[in-house]
Amino acid sequence: MRLRLLLSLGAILASAASAAPQPVEVMIVGTYHMSNPGRDLHNMRADDVLTPRRQSELEAIASGFARFRPTKVMVEWDAPTVAERYPKYIAGTLPPSHNEVVQLGFRLAKKSGASIYGIDVDGDFPFDPVKAYADSHGMAGMLAAGDAQVEAKNRTLEARIAATGVPGALRYINAPGRAASDHDWYRTALRIGGGKDQPGADLLTGWYRRNFLICANILQLSKPGDRVVVIYGSGHVFLLRQCVTETPGLKLVEPNAYLPR
């Protein structure tokens, strides 16, 4: 009787396990802005990714990520832009682009056969009130120190590109623990304010809102069993990784395991 009971219990547990939805595996790939759009507070000087050397490196990167067998690729353009440009890319009629969405996202989707989605959203980033408050309340030095740290990281990344190419730069960006370091500036901004006047907190509210909306797009477009590659500017990586690790049913995958050396 006890043996039959144990066998029945085992069958029930096995059935429940098999009925559980498969996790959504999500790889967050942080990248630098390859087209130098100059839209960030701190911009690095990226070299030309259309050169034969860089194209070879990008092809190797896409082949590495393709080993993950992604079912969906999500990128830092909005949905209408991707819907308009990706078919042209497939047809070979899209003009040459330095942008990482094309160089990494479109390339990977084509190579792997994955569906591609634009998941970016506009967001407020009210930096001017932060700077004005810091300048008028003796906090300019604090802000300048944070800015200097970001600039130093950009120079380090530029050196990495020169020395190790795009694969080495991406390994540097996506090294475990670096996302938290790259997020330091935003925490510094919280110190800029006082009483009811909180420009630093207002800035972070807008920044977090944008990333929550991006996170919502990831969740809403993902289905059980999907393998998703999300390619985004490195400043977003900390919050997008947090989104994945804190959401039931999602499993974070480290990109460096798939990057070529």
C-alpha atoms as a PDB file:
ATOM      1  CA  MET A   1       0.000   0.000   0.000  1.00  0.00           C
ATOM      2  CA  ARG A   2       2.780   2.427   0.971  1.00  0.00           C
ATOM      3  CA  LEU A   3       4.662   1.653  -2.262  1.00  0.00           C
ATOM      4  CA  ARG A   4       1.554   2.281  -4.378  1.00  0.00           C
ATOM      5  CA  LEU A   5       0.962   5.542  -2.532  1.00  0.00           C
ATOM      6  CA  LEU A   6       4.536   6.677  -3.143  1.00  0.00           C
ATOM      7  CA  LEU A   7       4.316   5.736  -6.810  1.00  0.00           C
ATOM      8  CA  SER A   8       1.048   7.641  -7.164  1.00  0.00           C
ATOM      9  CA  LEU A   9       2.517  10.689  -5.436  1.00  0.00           C
ATOM     10  CA  GLY A  10       5.550  10.536  -7.717  1.00  0.00           C
ATOM     11  CA  ALA A  11       3.332  10.367 -10.788  1.00  0.00           C
ATOM     12  CA  ILE A  12       1.328  13.386  -9.593  1.00  0.00           C
ATOM     13  CA  LEU A  13       4.476  15.417  -8.967  1.00  0.00           C
ATOM     14  CA  ALA A  14       5.936  14.443 -12.347  1.00  0.00           C
ATOM     15  CA  SER A  15       2.694  15.398 -14.065  1.00  0.00           C
ATOM     16  CA  ALA A  16       2.631  18.772 -12.299  1.00  0.00           C
ATOM     17  CA  ALA A  17       6.242  19.417 -13.246  1.00  0.00           C
ATOM     18  CA  SER A  18       5.607  18.575 -16.899  1.00  0.00           C
ATOM     19  CA  ALA A  19       2.544  20.861 -16.924  1.00  0.00           C
ATOM     20  CA  ALA A  20       4.466  23.845 -15.532  1.00  0.00           C
ATOM     21  CA  PRO A  21       5.170  26.468 -18.194  1.00  0.00           C
ATOM     22  CA  GLN A  22       8.690  26.600 -19.537  1.00  0.00           C
ATOM     23  CA  PRO A  23      10.680  29.631 -18.404  1.00  0.00           C
ATOM     24  CA  VAL A  24      11.411  32.490 -20.755  1.00  0.00           C
ATOM     25  CA  GLU A  25      15.193  32.665 -21.113  1.00  0.00           C
ATOM     26  CA  VAL A  26      16.326  36.270 -21.547  1.00  0.00           C
ATOM     27  CA  MET A  27      19.800  37.445 -22.504  1.00  0.00           C
ATOM     28  CA  ILE A  28      20.361  41.153 -21.846  1.00  0.00           C
ATOM     29  CA  VAL A  29      23.184  42.356 -24.101  1.00  0.00           C
ATOM     30  CA  GLY A  30      24.559  45.743 -23.154  1.00  0.00           C
ATOM     31  CA  THR A  31      26.309  47.619 -25.922  1.00  0.00           C
ATOM     32  CA  TYR A  32      27.836  50.984 -26.704  1.00  0.00           C
ATOM     33  CA  HIS A  33      26.272  53.299 -29.275  1.00  0.00           C
ATOM     34  CA  MET A  34      28.130  52.405 -32.442  1.00  0.00           C
ATOM     35  CA  SER A  35      26.717  55.267 -34.484  1.00  0.00           C
ATOM     36  CA  ASN A  36      27.817  58.014 -32.059  1.00  0.00           C
ATOM     37  CA  PRO A  37      24.398  59.741 -31.925  1.00  0.00           C
ATOM     38  CA  GLY A  38      25.558  62.078 -29.147  1.00  0.00           C
ATOM     39  CA  ARG A  39      22.272  61.859 -27.251  1.00  0.00           C
ATOM     40  CA  ASP A  40      23.653  60.811 -23.878  1.00  0.00           C
ATOM     41  CA  LEU A  41      25.139  63.054 -21.215  1.00  0.00           C
ATOM     42  CA  HIS A  42      28.443  61.294 -21.784  1.00  0.00           C
ATOM     43  CA  ASN A  43      29.320  59.946 -25.216  1.00  0.00           C
ATOM     44  CA  MET A  44      32.216  57.772 -26.229  1.00  0.00           C
ATOM     45  CA  ARG A  45      34.088  57.996 -29.514  1.00  0.00           C
ATOM     46  CA  ALA A  46      33.375  54.771 -31.372  1.00  0.00           C
ATOM     47  CA  ASP A  47      35.343  53.883 -34.482  1.00  0.00           C
ATOM     48  CA  ASP A  48      33.805  52.886 -37.803  1.00  0.00           C
ATOM     49  CA  VAL A  49      32.006  49.539 -37.516  1.00  0.00           C
ATOM     50  CA  LEU A  50      31.579  49.363 -41.302  1.00  0.00           C
ATOM     51  CA  THR A  51      35.264  48.580 -41.843  1.00  0.00           C
ATOM     52  CA  PRO A  52      36.035  44.980 -42.928  1.00  0.00           C
ATOM     53  CA  ARG A  53      37.704  44.224 -39.583  1.00  0.00           C
ATOM     54  CA  ARG A  54      34.722  45.360 -37.504  1.00  0.00           C
ATOM     55  CA  GLN A  55      32.258  43.658 -39.838  1.00  0.00           C
ATOM     56  CA  SER A  56      34.114  40.385 -39.369  1.00  0.00           C
ATOM     57  CA  GLU A  57      33.969  40.842 -35.600  1.00  0.00           C
ATOM     58  CA  LEU A  58      30.246  41.642 -35.666  1.00  0.00           C
ATOM     59  CA  GLU A  59      29.595  38.570 -37.794  1.00  0.00           C
ATOM     60  CA  ALA A  60      31.417  36.428 -35.221  1.00  0.00           C
ATOM     61  CA  ILE A  61      29.404  38.031 -32.409  1.00  0.00           C
ATOM     62  CA  ALA A  62      26.122  37.306 -34.182  1.00  0.00           C
ATOM     63  CA  SER A  63      27.200  33.717 -34.807  1.00  0.00           C
ATOM     64  CA  GLY A  64      28.009  33.351 -31.107  1.00  0.00           C
ATOM     65  CA  PHE A  65      24.636  34.685 -30.012  1.00  0.00           C
ATOM     66  CA  ALA A  66      22.921  32.481 -32.608  1.00  0.00           C
ATOM     67  CA  ARG A  67      24.147  29.460 -30.609  1.00  0.00           C
ATOM     68  CA  PHE A  68      21.641  30.551 -27.961  1.00  0.00           C
ATOM     69  CA  ARG A  69      18.974  29.750 -30.587  1.00  0.00           C
ATOM     70  CA  PRO A  70      16.927  32.900 -29.938  1.00  0.00           C
ATOM     71  CA  THR A  71      13.263  32.916 -30.881  1.00  0.00           C
ATOM     72  CA  LYS A  72      12.942  36.692 -30.442  1.00  0.00           C
ATOM     73  CA  VAL A  73      15.327  39.626 -30.686  1.00  0.00           C
ATOM     74  CA  MET A  74      14.354  42.926 -29.043  1.00  0.00           C
ATOM     75  CA  VAL A  75      16.136  46.179 -29.798  1.00  0.00           C
ATOM     76  CA  GLU A  76      16.437  49.861 -28.834  1.00  0.00           C
ATOM     77  CA  TRP A  77      14.219  51.304 -31.545  1.00  0.00           C
ATOM     78  CA  ASP A  78      10.476  51.732 -31.381  1.00  0.00           C
ATOM     79  CA  ALA A  79       8.171  49.222 -33.037  1.00  0.00           C
ATOM     80  CA  PRO A  80       7.217  51.319 -36.111  1.00  0.00           C
ATOM     81  CA  THR A  81      10.861  52.019 -36.953  1.00  0.00           C
ATOM     82  CA  VAL A  82      11.785  48.336 -36.792  1.00  0.00           C
ATOM     83  CA  ALA A  83       8.704  47.363 -38.799  1.00  0.00           C
ATOM     84  CA  GLU A  84       9.705  49.851 -41.507  1.00  0.00           C
ATOM     85  CA  ARG A  85      13.451  49.171 -41.652  1.00  0.00           C
ATOM     86  CA  TYR A  86      13.889  45.450 -41.015  1.00  0.00           C
ATOM     87  CA  PRO A  87      12.151  44.317 -44.239  1.00  0.00           C
ATOM     88  CA  LYS A  88      14.474  46.672 -46.143  1.00  0.00           C
ATOM     89  CA  TYR A  89      17.445  45.121 -44.354  1.00  0.00           C
ATOM     90  CA  ILE A  90      16.298  41.643 -45.375  1.00  0.00           C
ATOM     91  CA  ALA A  91      15.758  42.832 -48.945  1.00  0.00           C
ATOM     92  CA  GLY A  92      19.188  44.474 -49.038  1.00  0.00           C
ATOM     93  CA  THR A  93      17.750  47.941 -49.674  1.00  0.00           C
ATOM     94  CA  LEU A  94      18.421  49.527 -46.265  1.00  0.00           C
ATOM     95  CA  PRO A  95      21.219  52.109 -46.552  1.00  0.00           C
ATOM     96  CA  PRO A  96      24.422  51.241 -44.658  1.00  0.00           C
ATOM     97  CA  SER A  97      24.015  51.958 -40.955  1.00  0.00           C
ATOM     98  CA  HIS A  98      26.481  52.151 -38.090  1.00  0.00           C
ATOM     99  CA  ASN A  99      23.703  51.737 -35.535  1.00  0.00           C
ATOM    100  CA  GLU A 100      23.970  48.752 -33.192  1.00  0.00           C
ATOM    101  CA  VAL A 101      20.316  47.901 -33.819  1.00  0.00           C
ATOM    102  CA  VAL A 102      21.223  47.083 -37.405  1.00  0.00           C
ATOM    103  CA  GLN A 103      24.726  45.792 -36.791  1.00  0.00           C
ATOM    104  CA  LEU A 104      23.779  43.469 -33.927  1.00  0.00           C
ATOM    105  CA  GLY A 105      19.991  43.174 -33.726  1.00  0.00           C
ATOM    106  CA  PHE A 106      19.051  42.923 -37.394  1.00  0.00           C
ATOM    107  CA  ARG A 107      22.099  40.783 -38.146  1.00  0.00           C
ATOM    108  CA  LEU A 108      21.260  38.323 -35.351  1.00  0.00           C
ATOM    109  CA  ALA A 109      17.566  38.094 -36.252  1.00  0.00           C
ATOM    110  CA  LYS A 110      18.394  37.345 -39.884  1.00  0.00           C
ATOM    111  CA  LYS A 111      21.082  34.799 -38.999  1.00  0.00           C
ATOM    112  CA  SER A 112      18.983  32.947 -36.414  1.00  0.00           C
ATOM    113  CA  GLY A 113      15.556  33.273 -38.014  1.00  0.00           C
ATOM    114  CA  ALA A 114      14.230  34.921 -34.854  1.00  0.00           C
ATOM    115  CA  SER A 115      11.402  37.433 -34.892  1.00  0.00           C
ATOM    116  CA  ILE A 116      12.523  40.992 -34.201  1.00  0.00           C
ATOM    117  CA  TYR A 117      10.758  43.634 -32.126  1.00  0.00           C
ATOM    118  CA  GLY A 118      11.353  47.287 -31.417  1.00  0.00           C
ATOM    119  CA  ILE A 119      10.653  47.820 -27.719  1.00  0.00           C
ATOM    120  CA  ASP A 120      12.009  51.289 -27.023  1.00  0.00           C
ATOM    121  CA  VAL A 121       9.910  54.133 -25.628  1.00  0.00           C
ATOM    122  CA  ASP A 122      10.475  57.837 -25.165  1.00  0.00           C
ATOM    123  CA  GLY A 123      11.175  59.083 -21.677  1.00  0.00           C
ATOM    124  CA  ASP A 124      11.924  62.280 -19.789  1.00  0.00           C
ATOM    125  CA  PHE A 125      15.467  62.907 -18.575  1.00  0.00           C
ATOM    126  CA  PRO A 126      15.308  66.334 -16.877  1.00  0.00           C
ATOM    127  CA  PHE A 127      19.004  66.919 -16.243  1.00  0.00           C
ATOM    128  CA  ASP A 128      18.967  70.734 -16.420  1.00  0.00           C
ATOM    129  CA  PRO A 129      17.119  71.134 -13.068  1.00  0.00           C
ATOM    130  CA  VAL A 130      19.613  68.733 -11.470  1.00  0.00           C
ATOM    131  CA  LYS A 131      22.558  70.793 -12.667  1.00  0.00           C
ATOM    132  CA  ALA A 132      20.901  74.079 -11.705  1.00  0.00           C
ATOM    133  CA  TYR A 133      20.222  72.843  -8.153  1.00  0.00           C
ATOM    134  CA  ALA A 134      23.748  71.481  -7.800  1.00  0.00           C
ATOM    135  CA  ASP A 135      25.266  74.754  -9.019  1.00  0.00           C
ATOM    136  CA  SER A 136      23.191  76.877  -6.640  1.00  0.00           C
ATOM    137  CA  HIS A 137      23.568  74.663  -3.551  1.00  0.00           C
ATOM    138  CA  GLY A 138      27.282  73.940  -3.471  1.00  0.00           C
ATOM    139  CA  MET A 139      26.884  70.475  -4.998  1.00  0.00           C
ATOM    140  CA  ALA A 140      28.551  71.119  -8.331  1.00  0.00           C
ATOM    141  CA  GLY A 141      31.661  69.240  -7.202  1.00  0.00           C
ATOM    142  CA  MET A 142      29.629  66.146  -6.379  1.00  0.00           C
ATOM    143  CA  LEU A 143      28.035  66.185  -9.805  1.00  0.00           C
ATOM    144  CA  ALA A 144      31.372  66.837 -11.486  1.00  0.00           C
ATOM    145  CA  ALA A 145      32.973  63.882  -9.687  1.00  0.00           C
ATOM    146  CA  GLY A 146      30.225  61.564 -10.924  1.00  0.00           C
ATOM    147  CA  ASP A 147      30.590  62.937 -14.425  1.00  0.00           C
ATOM    148  CA  ALA A 148      34.350  62.381 -14.314  1.00  0.00           C
ATOM    149  CA  GLN A 149      33.838  58.737 -13.347  1.00  0.00           C
ATOM    150  CA  VAL A 150      31.534  58.196 -16.321  1.00  0.00           C
ATOM    151  CA  GLU A 151      33.976  59.896 -18.676  1.00  0.00           C
ATOM    152  CA  ALA A 152      36.791  57.698 -17.350  1.00  0.00           C
ATOM    153  CA  LYS A 153      34.713  54.593 -18.043  1.00  0.00           C
ATOM    154  CA  ASN A 154      34.109  55.808 -21.594  1.00  0.00           C
ATOM    155  CA  ARG A 155      37.829  56.274 -22.166  1.00  0.00           C
ATOM    156  CA  THR A 156      38.449  52.768 -20.781  1.00  0.00           C
ATOM    157  CA  LEU A 157      35.867  51.335 -23.163  1.00  0.00           C
ATOM    158  CA  GLU A 158      37.426  53.169 -26.103  1.00  0.00           C
ATOM    159  CA  ALA A 159      40.770  51.610 -25.187  1.00  0.00           C
ATOM    160  CA  ARG A 160      39.143  48.179 -24.981  1.00  0.00           C
ATOM    161  CA  ILE A 161      37.732  48.553 -28.486  1.00  0.00           C
ATOM    162  CA  ALA A 162      41.150  49.533 -29.806  1.00  0.00           C
ATOM    163  CA  ALA A 163      42.903  46.661 -28.050  1.00  0.00           C
ATOM    164  CA  THR A 164      40.370  43.805 -28.181  1.00  0.00           C
ATOM    165  CA  GLY A 165      37.843  44.806 -30.836  1.00  0.00           C
ATOM    166  CA  VAL A 166      34.086  44.820 -30.524  1.00  0.00           C
ATOM    167  CA  PRO A 167      33.907  41.339 -28.899  1.00  0.00           C
ATOM    168  CA  GLY A 168      36.293  42.419 -26.131  1.00  0.00           C
ATOM    169  CA  ALA A 169      34.374  45.654 -25.604  1.00  0.00           C
ATOM    170  CA  LEU A 170      31.100  43.769 -25.233  1.00  0.00           C
ATOM    171  CA  ARG A 171      32.675  41.286 -22.823  1.00  0.00           C
ATOM    172  CA  TYR A 172      33.856  44.263 -20.758  1.00  0.00           C
ATOM    173  CA  ILE A 173      30.402  45.893 -20.767  1.00  0.00           C
ATOM    174  CA  ASN A 174      28.620  42.654 -19.877  1.00  0.00           C
ATOM    175  CA  ALA A 175      31.026  41.322 -17.253  1.00  0.00           C
ATOM    176  CA  PRO A 176      29.114  40.202 -14.132  1.00  0.00           C
ATOM    177  CA  GLY A 177      28.919  43.042 -11.649  1.00  0.00           C
ATOM    178  CA  ARG A 178      29.680  45.822 -14.126  1.00  0.00           C
ATOM    179  CA  ALA A 179      26.019  46.752 -14.602  1.00  0.00           C
ATOM    180  CA  ALA A 180      25.789  47.836 -10.969  1.00  0.00           C
ATOM    181  CA  SER A 181      28.905  49.966 -11.346  1.00  0.00           C
ATOM    182  CA  ASP A 182      27.539  51.577 -14.485  1.00  0.00           C
ATOM    183  CA  HIS A 183      24.407  52.488 -12.524  1.00  0.00           C
ATOM    184  CA  ASP A 184      26.325  54.438  -9.865  1.00  0.00           C
ATOM    185  CA  TRP A 185      25.732  57.842 -11.455  1.00  0.00           C
ATOM    186  CA  TYR A 186      21.976  57.525 -11.066  1.00  0.00           C
ATOM    187  CA  ARG A 187      22.319  56.949  -7.333  1.00  0.00           C
ATOM    188  CA  THR A 188      24.563  59.991  -7.080  1.00  0.00           C
ATOM    189  CA  ALA A 189      21.794  62.047  -8.658  1.00  0.00           C
ATOM    190  CA  LEU A 190      19.527  61.229  -5.688  1.00  0.00           C
ATOM    191  CA  ARG A 191      21.778  63.356  -3.498  1.00  0.00           C
ATOM    192  CA  ILE A 192      20.956  66.447  -5.558  1.00  0.00           C
ATOM    193  CA  GLY A 193      17.974  68.021  -3.826  1.00  0.00           C
ATOM    194  CA  GLY A 194      16.502  68.938  -0.484  1.00  0.00           C
ATOM    195  CA  GLY A 195      13.094  69.178   1.148  1.00  0.00           C
ATOM    196  CA  LYS A 196      10.341  69.398  -1.431  1.00  0.00           C
ATOM    197  CA  ASP A 197      12.756  70.337  -4.211  1.00  0.00           C
ATOM    198  CA  GLN A 198      14.080  66.996  -5.477  1.00  0.00           C
ATOM    199  CA  PRO A 199      15.372  67.319  -9.056  1.00  0.00           C
ATOM    200  CA  GLY A 200      17.574  64.235  -8.692  1.00  0.00           C
ATOM    201  CA  ALA A 201      14.645  62.073  -7.629  1.00  0.00           C
ATOM    202  CA  ASP A 202      12.550  63.562 -10.442  1.00  0.00           C
ATOM    203  CA  LEU A 203      15.234  62.607 -12.955  1.00  0.00           C
ATOM    204  CA  LEU A 204      15.362  59.048 -11.654  1.00  0.00           C
ATOM    205  CA  THR A 205      11.579  58.802 -11.690  1.00  0.00           C
ATOM    206  CA  GLY A 206      11.616  59.525 -15.421  1.00  0.00           C
ATOM    207  CA  TRP A 207      14.527  57.158 -16.044  1.00  0.00           C
ATOM    208  CA  TYR A 208      12.967  54.309 -14.091  1.00  0.00           C
ATOM    209  CA  ARG A 209       9.605  54.866 -15.794  1.00  0.00           C
ATOM    210  CA  ARG A 210      11.189  54.514 -19.222  1.00  0.00           C
ATOM    211  CA  ASN A 211      12.911  51.292 -18.204  1.00  0.00           C
ATOM    212  CA  PHE A 212       9.736  49.927 -16.617  1.00  0.00           C
ATOM    213  CA  LEU A 213       7.966  50.507 -19.930  1.00  0.00           C
ATOM    214  CA  ILE A 214      10.760  48.720 -21.785  1.00  0.00           C
ATOM    215  CA  CYS A 215      10.516  45.894 -19.243  1.00  0.00           C
ATOM    216  CA  ALA A 216       6.742  45.734 -19.788  1.00  0.00           C
ATOM    217  CA  ASN A 217       7.317  45.325 -23.527  1.00  0.00           C
ATOM    218  CA  ILE A 218       9.722  42.449 -22.876  1.00  0.00           C
ATOM    219  CA  LEU A 219       7.212  40.669 -20.652  1.00  0.00           C
ATOM    220  CA  GLN A 220       4.212  41.271 -22.889  1.00  0.00           C
ATOM    221  CA  LEU A 221       5.971  40.045 -26.025  1.00  0.00           C
ATOM    222  CA  SER A 222       7.451  36.927 -24.399  1.00  0.00           C
ATOM    223  CA  LYS A 223       5.757  33.540 -24.249  1.00  0.00           C
ATOM    224  CA  PRO A 224       6.715  30.450 -22.206  1.00  0.00           C
ATOM    225  CA  GLY A 225       9.632  28.676 -23.830  1.00  0.00           C
ATOM    226  CA  ASP A 226      10.918  31.746 -25.665  1.00  0.00           C
ATOM    227  CA  ARG A 227      14.632  32.490 -25.828  1.00  0.00           C
ATOM    228  CA  VAL A 228      14.933  36.255 -26.031  1.00  0.00           C
ATOM    229  CA  VAL A 229      17.953  38.430 -26.799  1.00  0.00           C
ATOM    230  CA  VAL A 230      17.537  42.063 -25.721  1.00  0.00           C
ATOM    231  CA  ILE A 231      20.147  44.429 -27.202  1.00  0.00           C
ATOM    232  CA  TYR A 232      20.322  47.816 -25.456  1.00  0.00           C
ATOM    233  CA  GLY A 233      22.626  50.643 -24.520  1.00  0.00           C
ATOM    234  CA  SER A 234      24.713  49.741 -21.493  1.00  0.00           C
ATOM    235  CA  GLY A 235      23.064  52.362 -19.273  1.00  0.00           C
ATOM    236  CA  HIS A 236      19.860  50.329 -19.319  1.00  0.00           C
ATOM    237  CA  VAL A 237      21.443  46.988 -18.429  1.00  0.00           C
ATOM    238  CA  PHE A 238      21.210  47.232 -14.624  1.00  0.00           C
ATOM    239  CA  LEU A 239      17.470  47.885 -14.611  1.00  0.00           C
ATOM    240  CA  LEU A 240      16.660  45.420 -17.394  1.00  0.00           C
ATOM    241  CA  ARG A 241      18.619  42.662 -15.659  1.00  0.00           C
ATOM    242  CA  GLN A 242      16.725  43.505 -12.474  1.00  0.00           C
ATOM    243  CA  CYS A 243      13.480  43.231 -14.418  1.00  0.00           C
ATOM    244  CA  VAL A 244      14.370  39.730 -15.570  1.00  0.00           C
ATOM    245  CA  THR A 245      15.744  38.403 -12.273  1.00  0.00           C
ATOM    246  CA  GLU A 246      12.775  39.685 -10.255  1.00  0.00           C
ATOM    247  CA  THR A 247      10.047  38.428 -12.614  1.00  0.00           C
ATOM    248  CA  PRO A 248       8.670  34.912 -12.033  1.00  0.00           C
ATOM    249  CA  GLY A 249       8.894  32.756 -15.143  1.00  0.00           C
ATOM    250  CA  LEU A 250      11.950  34.572 -16.548  1.00  0.00           C
ATOM    251  CA  LYS A 251      15.497  33.245 -16.439  1.00  0.00           C
ATOM    252  CA  LEU A 252      18.518  35.497 -16.996  1.00  0.00           C
ATOM    253  CA  VAL A 253      21.192  34.234 -19.402  1.00  0.00           C
ATOM    254  CA  GLU A 254      24.690  35.740 -19.378  1.00  0.00           C
ATOM    255  CA  PRO A 255      25.805  36.992 -22.822  1.00  0.00           C
ATOM    256  CA  ASN A 256      29.517  36.533 -22.186  1.00  0.00           C
ATOM    257  CA  ALA A 257      29.036  32.783 -22.382  1.00  0.00           C
ATOM    258  CA  TYR A 258      28.206  33.254 -26.083  1.00  0.00           C
ATOM    259  CA  LEU A 259      30.618  36.026 -27.067  1.00  0.00           C
ATOM    260  CA  PRO A 260      33.664  35.000 -29.144  1.00  0.00           C
ATOM    261  CA  ARG A 261      37.143  35.408 -27.731  1.00  0.00           C
END
